[in-house]
Amino acid sequence: MHLLYLVTMKRLPYLLFFIFFNLIGFQAFAQEKPNIILLFSDDAGYADFGFQGSKIMKTPNLDQLAREGVKFTQGYVSASVCGPSRAGLLTGKYQQRFGFEENNVPGYMSASGLMGDEMGIPLDQQTMANYLKKLDYKTAFYGKWHLGGADRFHPLKRGFDEFYGFRGGARSYFPYKNIPKSHLDKLERGFGNFQEHEGYLTDVLADEANAFIEKNKENPFFIMVSFNAVHTPMDADEGDLKQFPSLEGNRKKVAAMTLALDRACGKIMDKLKALGLDENTIIVFTNDNGGPTDKNASINKPLSGTKSNHLEGGIRVPFLMKWEGKIKANSTYDFPISTLDLLPTFFSAGGGKTDELKDLDGVDLLPFISGDKKDRPHQVLYWKKEARGAIRNGDWKLIRFPDRPAELYNIEEDLSEQNNLAAAYPEKVKALYKQLFEWELTLERPLWQLKRSFEKYDLDRMDTYKHVDGQE
């Protein structure tokens, strides 16, 4: 026993060194997982950023992000309106596959007025946050949710550890003096703790994100900062308005709101640098759909179209990604990609195995960005909103309308979609129309249509439908 004690004591320094070395090695391995920050704007115009060529908008921080990473010249969303686009992004799936095809607007999608609460991402669908939590990420969501107002659809029940924002689709940027009755419009910290902010909301959301970064700087984290900027109402900060003396009306306001958006993004990026986290953080900036030029005076040029339609101006968005040392700085990627790709890209970057991702429509973009894969991430992309639809196969794009003949464009040759080639290529129209129709046969009936069907017979039966409450 005495001899064993002596041998053990002699080896103790080596044992301690071995334990210490392995602990350090484990910590270093854990820190290799990149932090992930998704900066997500709302209703921004395609042309309304310096890195997109604007000479009017002041976006120095996002311009710097573009210089430090890759700009996707053909970045698409899966829908031309807010809610469905966000549902696709967070699930990595075409949202029409689970019936989320239209915005969940209270009083609009249903005669009962309940649709804003009842319409959310079905509970049987996994979100980006769910997947990243499996990889030991801390997760947070700040800002506009718009993916179901009912408690069961709350961000804290969809994989996020922290939430500060609002459940609906729009609200004031300034604190309400008269608190709205609807819980969709109120700012909420955590679950059910409704409290108004102090200051300008765009800045407040950046401060909230920075507090989370500070608190979780030793852990891999994922933050989605879902700005409501530059969605209506056109609430601009007085100081920001003064930066654009030559502009008037909503154009002046959207410029000021974009400046605030850029400042907020800059605050977050500065925090990462101050903490030494910027070298191992993936930062993505993109937008939820095309700019509604009639609502907030945004500009989508040279693209035709606007929010809510399937011309390029409704579905092509600014799109940046930075990961220092992994993504070439000041580069561009020119094949079409989608916000559907963000979930598998983040999951792969965090060490997840691709075979764990079941039945997604998005792809991991990293091998394409690096050049390891030379082909297109997507040969075909689809869009659908009620009776309207669109398909892009290679450089050919067909747009289907409910009340007039389909239109055909070659996007590579005609970015502004001015030259309708449908009459010249009838066989191409027929082939793309058939392909779009075949895809639509795989989709689920939109939730609002189901809601109306149930209302005609028995409203209570709606709660049994799996895509309302997640139950069979």
Protein backbone atom coordinates (compact mmCIF):
# COMPACT_ATOMS: atom_id res chain seq x y z
CA MET A 1 0.00 0.00 0.00
CA HIS A 2 2.86 2.33 0.94
CA LEU A 3 4.68 1.47 -2.28
CA LEU A 4 1.54 2.12 -4.34
CA TYR A 5 1.17 5.51 -2.65
CA LEU A 6 4.77 6.48 -3.54
CA VAL A 7 4.33 5.42 -7.16
CA THR A 8 1.08 7.35 -7.41
CA MET A 9 2.61 10.49 -5.90
CA LYS A 10 5.52 10.33 -8.33
CA ARG A 11 3.12 10.10 -11.22
CA LEU A 12 0.75 12.77 -9.90
CA PRO A 13 2.38 15.68 -11.79
CA TYR A 14 2.08 13.68 -15.02
CA LEU A 15 -1.55 12.81 -14.26
CA LEU A 16 -2.36 16.45 -13.52
CA PHE A 17 -0.62 17.54 -16.70
CA PHE A 18 -2.55 14.92 -18.68
CA ILE A 19 -5.88 16.09 -17.20
CA PHE A 20 -5.02 19.77 -17.73
CA PHE A 21 -3.91 19.15 -21.32
CA ASN A 22 -7.11 17.31 -22.14
CA LEU A 23 -9.29 19.97 -20.52
CA ILE A 24 -7.56 22.67 -22.54
CA GLY A 25 -7.88 20.53 -25.65
CA PHE A 26 -11.59 20.02 -25.02
CA GLN A 27 -12.12 23.76 -24.47
CA ALA A 28 -10.22 24.58 -27.65
CA PHE A 29 -12.34 22.06 -29.55
CA ALA A 30 -15.53 23.60 -28.16
CA GLN A 31 -14.39 27.08 -29.16
CA GLU A 32 -13.71 25.93 -32.72
CA LYS A 33 -17.44 26.01 -33.34
CA PRO A 34 -18.14 29.39 -34.91
CA ASN A 35 -20.59 31.78 -33.37
CA ILE A 36 -23.40 32.61 -35.79
CA ILE A 37 -25.21 35.92 -36.15
CA LEU A 38 -28.03 36.45 -38.64
CA LEU A 39 -28.80 40.12 -39.23
CA PHE A 40 -32.20 40.20 -40.91
CA SER A 41 -33.83 43.36 -42.24
CA ASP A 42 -37.46 43.85 -43.22
CA ASP A 43 -38.78 45.19 -46.53
CA ALA A 44 -35.48 46.76 -47.58
CA GLY A 45 -35.02 47.75 -51.21
CA TYR A 46 -32.58 45.74 -53.30
CA ALA A 47 -30.70 48.88 -54.31
CA ASP A 48 -30.84 50.66 -50.96
CA PHE A 49 -27.35 49.87 -49.64
CA GLY A 50 -23.93 51.19 -50.49
CA PHE A 51 -22.65 47.69 -51.25
CA GLN A 52 -25.52 47.39 -53.75
CA GLY A 53 -24.49 50.57 -55.50
CA SER A 54 -26.55 53.25 -53.76
CA LYS A 55 -24.99 56.71 -53.68
CA ILE A 56 -27.71 58.04 -51.36
CA MET A 57 -28.00 55.52 -48.55
CA LYS A 58 -25.36 55.63 -45.82
CA THR A 59 -24.45 52.07 -44.86
CA PRO A 60 -20.74 52.10 -43.93
CA ASN A 61 -20.90 49.13 -41.56
CA LEU A 62 -22.68 46.81 -43.96
CA ASP A 63 -20.41 48.03 -46.77
CA GLN A 64 -17.47 46.95 -44.61
CA LEU A 65 -19.12 43.57 -44.02
CA ALA A 66 -19.37 43.16 -47.80
CA ARG A 67 -15.65 43.91 -48.15
CA GLU A 68 -14.81 41.36 -45.46
CA GLY A 69 -16.89 38.51 -46.89
CA VAL A 70 -18.84 37.30 -49.89
CA LYS A 71 -21.70 39.06 -51.64
CA PHE A 72 -24.26 36.78 -53.27
CA THR A 73 -25.39 38.49 -56.44
CA GLN A 74 -28.37 36.14 -56.84
CA GLY A 75 -29.67 35.71 -53.31
CA TYR A 76 -33.33 34.68 -53.17
CA VAL A 77 -36.01 34.27 -50.53
CA SER A 78 -38.65 31.54 -50.63
CA ALA A 79 -41.57 33.99 -50.56
CA SER A 80 -42.25 37.57 -51.57
CA VAL A 81 -43.92 38.45 -48.24
CA CYS A 82 -42.72 38.45 -44.63
CA GLY A 83 -44.21 35.51 -42.73
CA PRO A 84 -43.79 32.72 -45.31
CA SER A 85 -40.27 33.91 -46.13
CA ARG A 86 -39.31 33.66 -42.46
CA ALA A 87 -40.94 30.25 -42.13
CA GLY A 88 -38.85 28.94 -45.01
CA LEU A 89 -35.66 30.43 -43.63
CA LEU A 90 -36.11 28.99 -40.14
CA THR A 91 -37.01 25.48 -41.33
CA GLY A 92 -34.82 25.14 -44.41
CA LYS A 93 -37.91 23.95 -46.28
CA TYR A 94 -40.30 25.45 -48.77
CA GLN A 95 -42.92 26.68 -46.32
CA GLN A 96 -45.73 25.70 -48.70
CA ARG A 97 -44.88 22.09 -47.89
CA PHE A 98 -46.42 22.61 -44.44
CA GLY A 99 -49.14 25.01 -45.51
CA PHE A 100 -47.55 28.33 -44.55
CA GLU A 101 -48.15 30.14 -47.80
CA GLU A 102 -49.55 33.53 -46.80
CA ASN A 103 -48.94 36.19 -44.17
CA ASN A 104 -50.68 35.53 -40.85
CA VAL A 105 -52.62 38.78 -40.74
CA PRO A 106 -55.36 39.00 -38.05
CA GLY A 107 -58.82 39.57 -39.50
CA TYR A 108 -57.64 39.10 -43.07
CA MET A 109 -57.06 35.41 -43.61
CA SER A 110 -60.09 34.30 -41.59
CA ALA A 111 -63.57 35.60 -40.95
CA SER A 112 -63.12 34.85 -37.25
CA GLY A 113 -60.10 37.15 -37.05
CA LEU A 114 -58.09 34.48 -35.25
CA MET A 115 -55.70 33.61 -38.02
CA GLY A 116 -52.88 35.85 -36.78
CA ASP A 117 -52.68 33.71 -33.64
CA GLU A 118 -53.52 30.33 -35.11
CA MET A 119 -51.21 30.44 -38.11
CA GLY A 120 -47.60 29.58 -37.28
CA ILE A 121 -44.83 27.13 -38.10
CA PRO A 122 -46.36 23.74 -37.27
CA LEU A 123 -45.00 22.21 -34.10
CA ASP A 124 -43.83 19.12 -35.92
CA GLN A 125 -41.31 21.23 -37.83
CA GLN A 126 -37.79 21.75 -36.48
CA THR A 127 -36.32 25.25 -36.62
CA MET A 128 -32.80 26.49 -37.15
CA ALA A 129 -32.56 27.06 -33.40
CA ASN A 130 -33.67 23.49 -32.65
CA TYR A 131 -30.90 22.11 -34.84
CA LEU A 132 -28.20 24.37 -33.40
CA LYS A 133 -29.18 23.61 -29.81
CA LYS A 134 -28.38 19.95 -30.60
CA LEU A 135 -24.83 21.21 -31.25
CA ASP A 136 -24.72 22.93 -27.82
CA TYR A 137 -25.31 26.44 -29.13
CA LYS A 138 -26.90 29.10 -26.96
CA THR A 139 -29.69 30.66 -29.00
CA ALA A 140 -31.46 34.02 -28.98
CA PHE A 141 -34.06 35.84 -31.09
CA TYR A 142 -34.54 39.61 -31.05
CA GLY A 143 -37.15 41.64 -32.90
CA LYS A 144 -40.00 40.72 -35.23
CA TRP A 145 -41.29 37.13 -34.96
CA HIS A 146 -44.41 37.01 -37.24
CA LEU A 147 -44.54 33.21 -37.14
CA GLY A 148 -47.61 32.69 -35.00
CA GLY A 149 -48.99 34.72 -32.13
CA ALA A 150 -50.39 31.83 -30.08
CA ASP A 151 -48.34 30.78 -27.07
CA ARG A 152 -47.50 27.42 -28.58
CA PHE A 153 -45.67 29.14 -31.46
CA HIS A 154 -43.59 31.37 -29.17
CA PRO A 155 -39.83 31.62 -29.95
CA LEU A 156 -38.95 30.14 -26.55
CA LYS A 157 -40.92 27.04 -27.57
CA ARG A 158 -39.21 26.83 -30.97
CA GLY A 159 -35.61 26.36 -29.87
CA PHE A 160 -34.59 29.82 -28.70
CA ASP A 161 -33.19 30.33 -25.20
CA GLU A 162 -33.88 34.07 -25.09
CA PHE A 163 -36.38 36.36 -26.75
CA TYR A 164 -37.00 40.09 -26.75
CA GLY A 165 -39.27 41.39 -29.46
CA PHE A 166 -42.86 41.25 -30.66
CA ARG A 167 -44.93 38.39 -32.01
CA GLY A 168 -46.70 40.28 -34.81
CA GLY A 169 -45.64 41.75 -38.13
CA ALA A 170 -45.19 45.46 -37.41
CA ARG A 171 -45.21 47.97 -34.58
CA SER A 172 -43.95 51.43 -33.59
CA TYR A 173 -40.22 52.03 -33.38
CA PHE A 174 -40.84 54.33 -30.43
CA PRO A 175 -42.32 53.31 -27.06
CA TYR A 176 -46.10 53.27 -27.04
CA LYS A 177 -47.68 55.88 -24.79
CA ASN A 178 -50.96 54.00 -25.00
CA ILE A 179 -50.15 50.31 -24.80
CA PRO A 180 -51.95 48.38 -27.57
CA LYS A 181 -54.48 45.74 -26.56
CA SER A 182 -53.12 43.07 -28.89
CA HIS A 183 -50.25 41.00 -27.55
CA LEU A 184 -48.95 40.83 -31.13
CA ASP A 185 -47.89 44.48 -31.01
CA LYS A 186 -46.39 44.60 -27.53
CA LEU A 187 -42.71 44.17 -26.81
CA GLU A 188 -42.10 41.05 -24.80
CA ARG A 189 -39.11 39.90 -22.78
CA GLY A 190 -39.02 36.16 -22.41
CA PHE A 191 -42.48 34.63 -22.26
CA GLY A 192 -45.44 36.79 -21.28
CA ASN A 193 -43.40 39.61 -19.74
CA PHE A 194 -44.66 42.53 -21.80
CA GLN A 195 -42.75 45.77 -21.32
CA GLU A 196 -42.05 48.77 -23.52
CA HIS A 197 -38.50 49.75 -24.37
CA GLU A 198 -36.69 53.06 -23.97
CA GLY A 199 -35.20 54.67 -27.05
CA TYR A 200 -35.36 53.78 -30.73
CA LEU A 201 -36.22 50.12 -31.25
CA THR A 202 -33.60 49.42 -33.94
CA ASP A 203 -30.86 50.51 -31.54
CA VAL A 204 -32.46 48.65 -28.64
CA LEU A 205 -32.39 45.34 -30.51
CA ALA A 206 -28.65 45.74 -31.12
CA ASP A 207 -28.10 46.45 -27.42
CA GLU A 208 -30.04 43.31 -26.50
CA ALA A 209 -27.95 41.22 -28.88
CA ASN A 210 -24.75 42.67 -27.46
CA ALA A 211 -25.82 41.82 -23.91
CA PHE A 212 -26.36 38.23 -25.00
CA ILE A 213 -22.94 38.14 -26.69
CA GLU A 214 -21.27 39.44 -23.53
CA LYS A 215 -23.04 36.86 -21.40
CA ASN A 216 -22.24 33.95 -23.73
CA LYS A 217 -18.78 34.88 -24.98
CA GLU A 218 -17.35 31.60 -23.66
CA ASN A 219 -19.97 29.49 -25.48
CA PRO A 220 -20.85 29.04 -29.14
CA PHE A 221 -23.99 31.09 -29.77
CA PHE A 222 -26.55 31.72 -32.48
CA ILE A 223 -28.40 35.03 -32.58
CA MET A 224 -31.08 36.07 -35.03
CA VAL A 225 -31.59 39.82 -34.96
CA SER A 226 -34.86 40.24 -36.83
CA PHE A 227 -35.06 44.00 -37.31
CA ASN A 228 -38.42 45.48 -38.22
CA ALA A 229 -36.48 48.17 -40.07
CA VAL A 230 -37.35 49.36 -42.66
CA HIS A 231 -40.94 48.11 -42.57
CA THR A 232 -43.75 50.59 -41.98
CA PRO A 233 -44.67 52.58 -39.90
CA MET A 234 -42.17 55.11 -41.21
CA ASP A 235 -40.78 56.02 -37.80
CA ALA A 236 -37.40 57.68 -38.21
CA ASP A 237 -35.11 59.11 -35.55
CA GLU A 238 -34.85 62.92 -35.74
CA GLY A 239 -31.08 62.84 -35.65
CA ASP A 240 -30.96 60.37 -38.51
CA LEU A 241 -33.37 62.42 -40.59
CA LYS A 242 -30.94 65.35 -40.43
CA GLN A 243 -28.36 63.28 -42.28
CA PHE A 244 -30.44 63.49 -45.47
CA PRO A 245 -31.35 67.16 -46.01
CA SER A 246 -31.81 66.80 -49.77
CA LEU A 247 -34.45 64.04 -49.50
CA GLU A 248 -38.16 64.40 -48.81
CA GLY A 249 -41.13 62.38 -47.62
CA ASN A 250 -40.85 58.64 -47.17
CA ARG A 251 -37.65 58.52 -49.19
CA LYS A 252 -36.02 60.65 -46.50
CA LYS A 253 -37.52 58.48 -43.77
CA VAL A 254 -36.42 55.20 -45.29
CA ALA A 255 -32.90 56.59 -45.69
CA ALA A 256 -32.86 57.56 -42.02
CA MET A 257 -34.27 54.18 -40.97
CA THR A 258 -31.64 52.41 -43.11
CA LEU A 259 -28.92 54.48 -41.44
CA ALA A 260 -30.21 53.31 -38.04
CA LEU A 261 -30.28 49.72 -39.29
CA ASP A 262 -26.67 50.00 -40.43
CA ARG A 263 -25.65 51.59 -37.12
CA ALA A 264 -27.27 48.73 -35.18
CA CYS A 265 -25.46 46.14 -37.30
CA GLY A 266 -22.24 48.05 -36.70
CA LYS A 267 -22.76 47.98 -32.94
CA ILE A 268 -23.00 44.20 -33.00
CA MET A 269 -19.95 43.79 -35.20
CA ASP A 270 -17.98 46.19 -32.97
CA LYS A 271 -18.91 44.13 -29.90
CA LEU A 272 -17.58 40.99 -31.56
CA LYS A 273 -14.28 42.73 -32.32
CA ALA A 274 -14.00 44.15 -28.81
CA LEU A 275 -14.36 40.66 -27.34
CA GLY A 276 -12.04 39.04 -29.88
CA LEU A 277 -14.88 36.95 -31.30
CA ASP A 278 -15.03 38.34 -34.82
CA GLU A 279 -12.46 35.90 -36.23
CA ASN A 280 -14.63 32.92 -35.35
CA THR A 281 -18.12 34.27 -36.03
CA ILE A 282 -20.22 33.74 -39.12
CA ILE A 283 -22.16 36.91 -39.88
CA VAL A 284 -24.96 36.95 -42.43
CA PHE A 285 -26.95 39.96 -43.52
CA THR A 286 -30.00 39.61 -45.72
CA ASN A 287 -33.62 40.72 -46.08
CA ASP A 288 -37.01 38.99 -45.96
CA ASN A 289 -38.43 40.01 -49.37
CA GLY A 290 -38.27 42.71 -51.98
CA GLY A 291 -38.86 46.32 -51.06
CA PRO A 292 -42.50 47.55 -51.16
CA THR A 293 -41.73 50.61 -53.22
CA ASP A 294 -45.24 52.01 -52.76
CA LYS A 295 -45.18 51.67 -48.97
CA ASN A 296 -41.73 52.76 -47.79
CA ALA A 297 -40.24 54.41 -50.90
CA SER A 298 -37.63 51.67 -51.23
CA ILE A 299 -35.88 51.09 -54.57
CA ASN A 300 -35.30 47.69 -56.18
CA LYS A 301 -33.58 48.79 -59.41
CA PRO A 302 -32.40 47.39 -61.73
CA LEU A 303 -34.94 44.71 -60.81
CA SER A 304 -38.57 44.92 -61.85
CA GLY A 305 -41.29 44.20 -59.36
CA THR A 306 -41.84 44.73 -55.68
CA LYS A 307 -42.83 42.97 -52.49
CA SER A 308 -45.72 40.50 -52.98
CA ASN A 309 -44.99 39.57 -56.60
CA HIS A 310 -42.66 37.08 -58.27
CA LEU A 311 -40.67 39.42 -60.45
CA GLU A 312 -37.04 39.65 -59.33
CA GLY A 313 -37.77 42.76 -57.29
CA GLY A 314 -40.09 40.75 -55.07
CA ILE A 315 -37.86 37.76 -54.36
CA ARG A 316 -34.19 38.72 -54.93
CA VAL A 317 -32.54 40.34 -51.89
CA PRO A 318 -29.22 41.76 -50.69
CA PHE A 319 -27.20 38.89 -49.21
CA LEU A 320 -23.81 38.96 -47.44
CA MET A 321 -21.83 36.35 -45.50
CA LYS A 322 -18.56 36.65 -43.59
CA TRP A 323 -16.44 34.01 -41.88
CA GLU A 324 -12.88 35.20 -41.47
CA GLY A 325 -10.30 32.74 -42.78
CA LYS A 326 -12.98 30.48 -44.27
CA ILE A 327 -14.70 32.78 -46.76
CA LYS A 328 -12.62 34.89 -49.13
CA ALA A 329 -12.88 38.59 -48.37
CA ASN A 330 -14.29 41.02 -50.93
CA SER A 331 -15.59 38.21 -53.12
CA THR A 332 -18.81 37.53 -54.99
CA TYR A 333 -20.78 34.37 -55.67
CA ASP A 334 -22.89 34.50 -58.79
CA PHE A 335 -25.04 31.35 -58.88
CA PRO A 336 -28.55 31.52 -57.37
CA ILE A 337 -28.77 30.68 -53.67
CA SER A 338 -31.64 30.89 -51.18
CA THR A 339 -32.35 31.74 -47.56
CA LEU A 340 -33.42 28.08 -47.38
CA ASP A 341 -29.67 27.34 -47.45
CA LEU A 342 -28.86 29.09 -44.20
CA LEU A 343 -30.03 26.30 -41.87
CA PRO A 344 -27.89 23.54 -43.44
CA THR A 345 -24.96 25.95 -43.82
CA PHE A 346 -25.04 26.93 -40.16
CA PHE A 347 -25.56 23.36 -39.01
CA SER A 348 -22.62 22.11 -41.06
CA ALA A 349 -20.37 24.95 -39.89
CA GLY A 350 -21.24 24.10 -36.28
CA GLY A 351 -20.04 20.52 -36.71
CA GLY A 352 -23.37 18.88 -37.52
CA LYS A 353 -23.55 15.88 -39.82
CA THR A 354 -25.52 16.41 -42.99
CA ASP A 355 -27.26 13.03 -42.63
CA GLU A 356 -28.95 14.44 -39.51
CA LEU A 357 -30.79 16.97 -41.67
CA LYS A 358 -33.95 15.32 -42.85
CA ASP A 359 -35.94 16.32 -45.90
CA LEU A 360 -34.65 19.89 -46.33
CA ASP A 361 -34.75 21.97 -49.49
CA GLY A 362 -31.72 24.08 -48.59
CA VAL A 363 -28.09 23.05 -49.11
CA ASP A 364 -24.80 23.74 -47.31
CA LEU A 365 -23.33 26.72 -49.15
CA LEU A 366 -19.78 26.46 -47.80
CA PRO A 367 -18.45 23.94 -50.37
CA PHE A 368 -19.86 26.10 -53.16
CA ILE A 369 -18.40 29.32 -51.77
CA SER A 370 -14.97 27.71 -51.34
CA GLY A 371 -15.03 26.33 -54.88
CA ASP A 372 -14.92 22.68 -53.80
CA LYS A 373 -18.22 22.26 -55.60
CA LYS A 374 -18.35 23.85 -59.04
CA ASP A 375 -21.98 23.24 -59.95
CA ARG A 376 -25.02 25.29 -58.97
CA PRO A 377 -26.38 24.94 -55.43
CA HIS A 378 -29.86 24.92 -57.02
CA GLN A 379 -30.73 24.03 -60.59
CA VAL A 380 -34.39 24.79 -59.81
CA LEU A 381 -36.09 27.22 -57.41
CA TYR A 382 -39.85 27.57 -56.83
CA TRP A 383 -42.28 30.17 -55.54
CA LYS A 384 -46.02 30.04 -54.91
CA LYS A 385 -48.56 32.41 -53.40
CA GLU A 386 -52.20 31.40 -53.85
CA ALA A 387 -52.87 31.04 -57.61
CA ARG A 388 -49.65 32.78 -58.56
CA GLY A 389 -46.39 30.91 -58.97
CA ALA A 390 -42.91 31.01 -60.44
CA ILE A 391 -40.10 28.65 -61.27
CA ARG A 392 -36.47 29.28 -62.16
CA ASN A 393 -34.63 26.44 -63.89
CA GLY A 394 -31.09 27.45 -64.75
CA ASP A 395 -31.37 30.91 -66.24
CA TRP A 396 -34.96 30.46 -67.43
CA LYS A 397 -37.79 31.80 -65.29
CA LEU A 398 -41.52 31.32 -65.76
CA ILE A 399 -44.07 33.43 -63.90
CA ARG A 400 -47.67 32.18 -63.73
CA PHE A 401 -50.57 34.55 -63.19
CA PRO A 402 -54.21 33.74 -62.35
CA ASP A 403 -55.68 36.18 -64.85
CA ARG A 404 -53.33 36.35 -67.85
CA PRO A 405 -50.85 34.19 -69.79
CA ALA A 406 -47.58 33.12 -68.20
CA GLU A 407 -44.42 35.12 -68.83
CA LEU A 408 -40.98 33.71 -69.65
CA TYR A 409 -37.63 35.41 -69.11
CA ASN A 410 -33.97 34.58 -69.45
CA ILE A 411 -32.64 36.12 -66.26
CA GLU A 412 -28.98 35.95 -67.29
CA GLU A 413 -29.68 38.05 -70.38
CA ASP A 414 -32.60 40.11 -69.06
CA LEU A 415 -32.18 40.93 -65.38
CA SER A 416 -34.93 43.56 -65.44
CA GLU A 417 -37.43 41.14 -67.03
CA GLN A 418 -38.38 43.45 -69.86
CA ASN A 419 -38.39 40.94 -72.72
CA ASN A 420 -41.14 38.34 -72.34
CA LEU A 421 -40.07 35.33 -74.42
CA ALA A 422 -43.18 33.18 -73.89
CA ALA A 423 -44.40 33.52 -77.48
CA ALA A 424 -40.96 32.72 -78.89
CA TYR A 425 -40.40 29.60 -76.76
CA PRO A 426 -43.78 27.88 -76.28
CA GLU A 427 -42.18 24.47 -75.55
CA LYS A 428 -40.05 26.02 -72.80
CA VAL A 429 -43.20 27.55 -71.29
CA LYS A 430 -44.96 24.19 -71.42
CA ALA A 431 -42.05 22.33 -69.81
CA LEU A 432 -41.59 24.83 -66.97
CA TYR A 433 -45.32 25.08 -66.36
CA LYS A 434 -45.48 21.30 -66.02
CA GLN A 435 -42.51 21.24 -63.65
CA LEU A 436 -44.07 23.93 -61.47
CA PHE A 437 -47.39 22.08 -61.40
CA GLU A 438 -45.70 18.81 -60.44
CA TRP A 439 -43.99 20.55 -57.52
CA GLU A 440 -47.29 22.07 -56.40
CA LEU A 441 -48.84 18.61 -56.22
CA THR A 442 -46.41 17.82 -53.37
CA LEU A 443 -47.54 20.78 -51.24
CA GLU A 444 -50.09 21.04 -48.44
CA ARG A 445 -53.24 23.10 -48.61
CA PRO A 446 -52.60 26.57 -47.11
CA LEU A 447 -53.60 26.94 -43.48
CA TRP A 448 -55.97 29.83 -44.05
CA GLN A 449 -57.96 27.78 -46.55
CA LEU A 450 -58.25 24.96 -44.04
CA LYS A 451 -59.34 27.46 -41.42
CA ARG A 452 -62.17 28.72 -43.61
CA SER A 453 -63.23 25.17 -44.44
CA PHE A 454 -63.48 24.26 -40.77
CA GLU A 455 -65.30 27.49 -39.93
CA LYS A 456 -68.11 26.47 -42.29
CA TYR A 457 -68.71 23.33 -40.27
CA ASP A 458 -67.14 23.16 -36.83
CA LEU A 459 -64.55 25.64 -35.63
CA ASP A 460 -63.55 23.38 -32.72
CA ARG A 461 -62.41 20.69 -35.14
CA MET A 462 -59.62 22.98 -36.33
CA ASP A 463 -57.65 22.26 -33.17
CA THR A 464 -57.32 18.62 -34.17
CA TYR A 465 -55.49 19.37 -37.39
CA LYS A 466 -51.81 18.60 -37.05
CA HIS A 467 -50.63 21.72 -38.84
CA VAL A 468 -52.36 23.98 -36.41
CA ASP A 469 -51.30 22.52 -33.10
CA GLY A 470 -48.73 19.93 -34.15
CA GLN A 471 -50.86 16.94 -33.16
CA GLU A 472 -52.15 14.16 -35.38
